[in-house]
């Protein structure tokens, strides 16, 4: 069975970037214990865009859906989370299956 990748594409106004990153940092550890979770990265735009990418990798679509219906929904309180307004002004979810992959010869993943 192939892993699945979910990329949440977030439009974040410049004045909300620090807030978005702070919110993700404060949730450190919230997804790592979820069954089927494999990897997370928050990608900050370097230039020419206001789009952040939230990359997660899962053992299966079912594992991702279980997280969406359980832990993720609880963490966000069903909406913006903790009564706060969202830091992003837009969001889109992209879904992919992993069909090929490569790792360094030593087998190490990026830190």
Protein backbone atom coordinates (compact mmCIF):
# COMPACT_ATOMS: atom_id res chain seq x y z
CA UNK A 1 0.00 0.00 0.00
CA UNK A 2 1.33 3.43 -0.98
CA UNK A 3 1.60 6.29 1.50
CA UNK A 4 -0.51 9.38 0.86
CA UNK A 5 0.59 12.99 0.99
CA UNK A 6 -1.73 15.83 1.92
CA UNK A 7 -0.66 19.39 1.20
CA UNK A 8 -2.74 22.14 2.74
CA UNK A 9 -2.17 25.27 0.65
CA UNK A 10 -2.66 28.32 2.88
CA UNK A 11 -2.91 31.90 1.67
CA UNK A 12 -1.38 33.96 4.48
CA UNK A 13 -1.22 37.77 4.41
CA UNK A 14 2.23 39.13 5.33
CA UNK A 15 0.95 40.55 8.63
CA UNK A 16 -0.29 37.07 9.70
CA UNK A 17 2.84 35.02 8.90
CA UNK A 18 4.36 35.19 12.38
CA UNK A 19 1.01 34.32 13.93
CA UNK A 20 0.54 31.30 11.66
CA UNK A 21 4.02 29.99 12.46
CA UNK A 22 3.50 30.61 16.18
CA UNK A 23 0.24 28.64 16.12
CA UNK A 24 1.87 25.69 14.38
CA UNK A 25 4.80 25.77 16.82
CA UNK A 26 2.39 25.76 19.78
CA UNK A 27 0.79 22.58 18.41
CA UNK A 28 4.11 20.72 18.27
CA UNK A 29 3.44 17.07 19.05
CA UNK A 30 -0.28 17.25 18.28
CA UNK A 31 -0.13 14.96 15.24
CA UNK A 32 3.02 12.93 15.83
CA UNK A 33 1.28 10.29 17.94
CA UNK A 34 -1.57 9.75 15.49
CA UNK A 35 -1.77 6.22 14.09
CA UNK A 36 -0.50 6.20 10.50
CA UNK A 37 1.21 9.59 10.66
CA UNK A 38 4.60 9.58 8.90
CA UNK A 39 5.85 13.16 8.33
CA UNK A 40 5.06 16.87 8.73
CA UNK A 41 6.62 20.04 7.33
CA UNK A 42 5.45 23.66 7.38
CA UNK A 43 6.92 25.37 4.30
CA UNK A 44 7.33 29.16 4.37
CA UNK A 45 7.31 31.01 1.03
CA UNK A 46 10.64 32.58 0.13
CA UNK A 47 9.58 35.13 -2.47
CA UNK A 48 6.82 36.02 -4.90
CA UNK A 49 3.91 34.39 -3.10
CA UNK A 50 1.87 34.56 0.09
CA UNK A 51 1.26 30.80 0.07
CA UNK A 52 2.42 28.47 2.84
CA UNK A 53 2.37 24.71 2.30
CA UNK A 54 1.57 22.32 5.14
CA UNK A 55 2.94 18.92 4.09
CA UNK A 56 1.83 15.76 5.86
CA UNK A 57 2.45 12.16 4.89
CA UNK A 58 0.25 9.28 6.02
CA UNK A 59 0.39 5.50 5.82
CA UNK A 60 -3.07 5.48 4.19
CA UNK A 61 -6.04 7.64 3.25
CA UNK A 62 -7.97 5.95 6.05
CA UNK A 63 -5.38 7.05 8.63
CA UNK A 64 -5.61 10.65 7.37
CA UNK A 65 -9.42 10.59 7.49
CA UNK A 66 -9.36 9.17 11.03
CA UNK A 67 -7.15 12.08 12.11
CA UNK A 68 -9.39 14.58 10.31
CA UNK A 69 -12.50 13.26 12.07
CA UNK A 70 -10.86 12.92 15.48
CA UNK A 71 -7.77 14.69 16.79
CA UNK A 72 -7.60 17.42 14.14
CA UNK A 73 -11.25 18.41 14.59
CA UNK A 74 -10.82 18.55 18.38
CA UNK A 75 -7.63 20.63 18.09
CA UNK A 76 -9.36 23.15 15.84
CA UNK A 77 -12.58 23.21 17.82
CA UNK A 78 -14.47 22.57 14.60
CA UNK A 79 -13.40 25.91 13.08
CA UNK A 80 -10.58 28.41 13.57
CA UNK A 81 -9.55 26.85 16.88
CA UNK A 82 -9.77 28.23 20.37
CA UNK A 83 -12.17 30.98 19.27
CA UNK A 84 -9.46 32.77 17.27
CA UNK A 85 -9.82 34.02 13.74
CA UNK A 86 -7.82 32.04 11.19
CA UNK A 87 -4.33 33.34 10.33
CA UNK A 88 -4.83 32.20 6.73
CA UNK A 89 -7.25 33.95 4.40
CA UNK A 90 -7.69 30.91 2.17
CA UNK A 91 -7.07 27.17 2.16
CA UNK A 92 -7.01 24.37 -0.39
CA UNK A 93 -6.17 20.69 0.15
CA UNK A 94 -4.11 18.77 -2.41
CA UNK A 95 -3.89 14.96 -2.24
CA UNK A 96 -1.25 12.65 -3.71
CA UNK A 97 -0.18 9.00 -3.59
CA UNK A 98 3.53 8.30 -3.22
CA UNK A 99 4.56 6.32 -6.32
CA UNK A 100 8.33 6.83 -6.11
CA UNK A 101 10.70 8.01 -3.43
CA UNK A 102 14.40 8.27 -2.72
CA UNK A 103 16.45 8.79 0.42
CA UNK A 104 20.13 9.48 1.00
CA UNK A 105 22.30 6.38 0.77
CA UNK A 106 22.75 6.45 4.56
CA UNK A 107 18.96 6.25 4.93
CA UNK A 108 18.85 9.46 7.00
CA UNK A 109 15.89 11.80 6.63
CA UNK A 110 16.26 15.57 6.81
CA UNK A 111 16.42 16.93 10.34
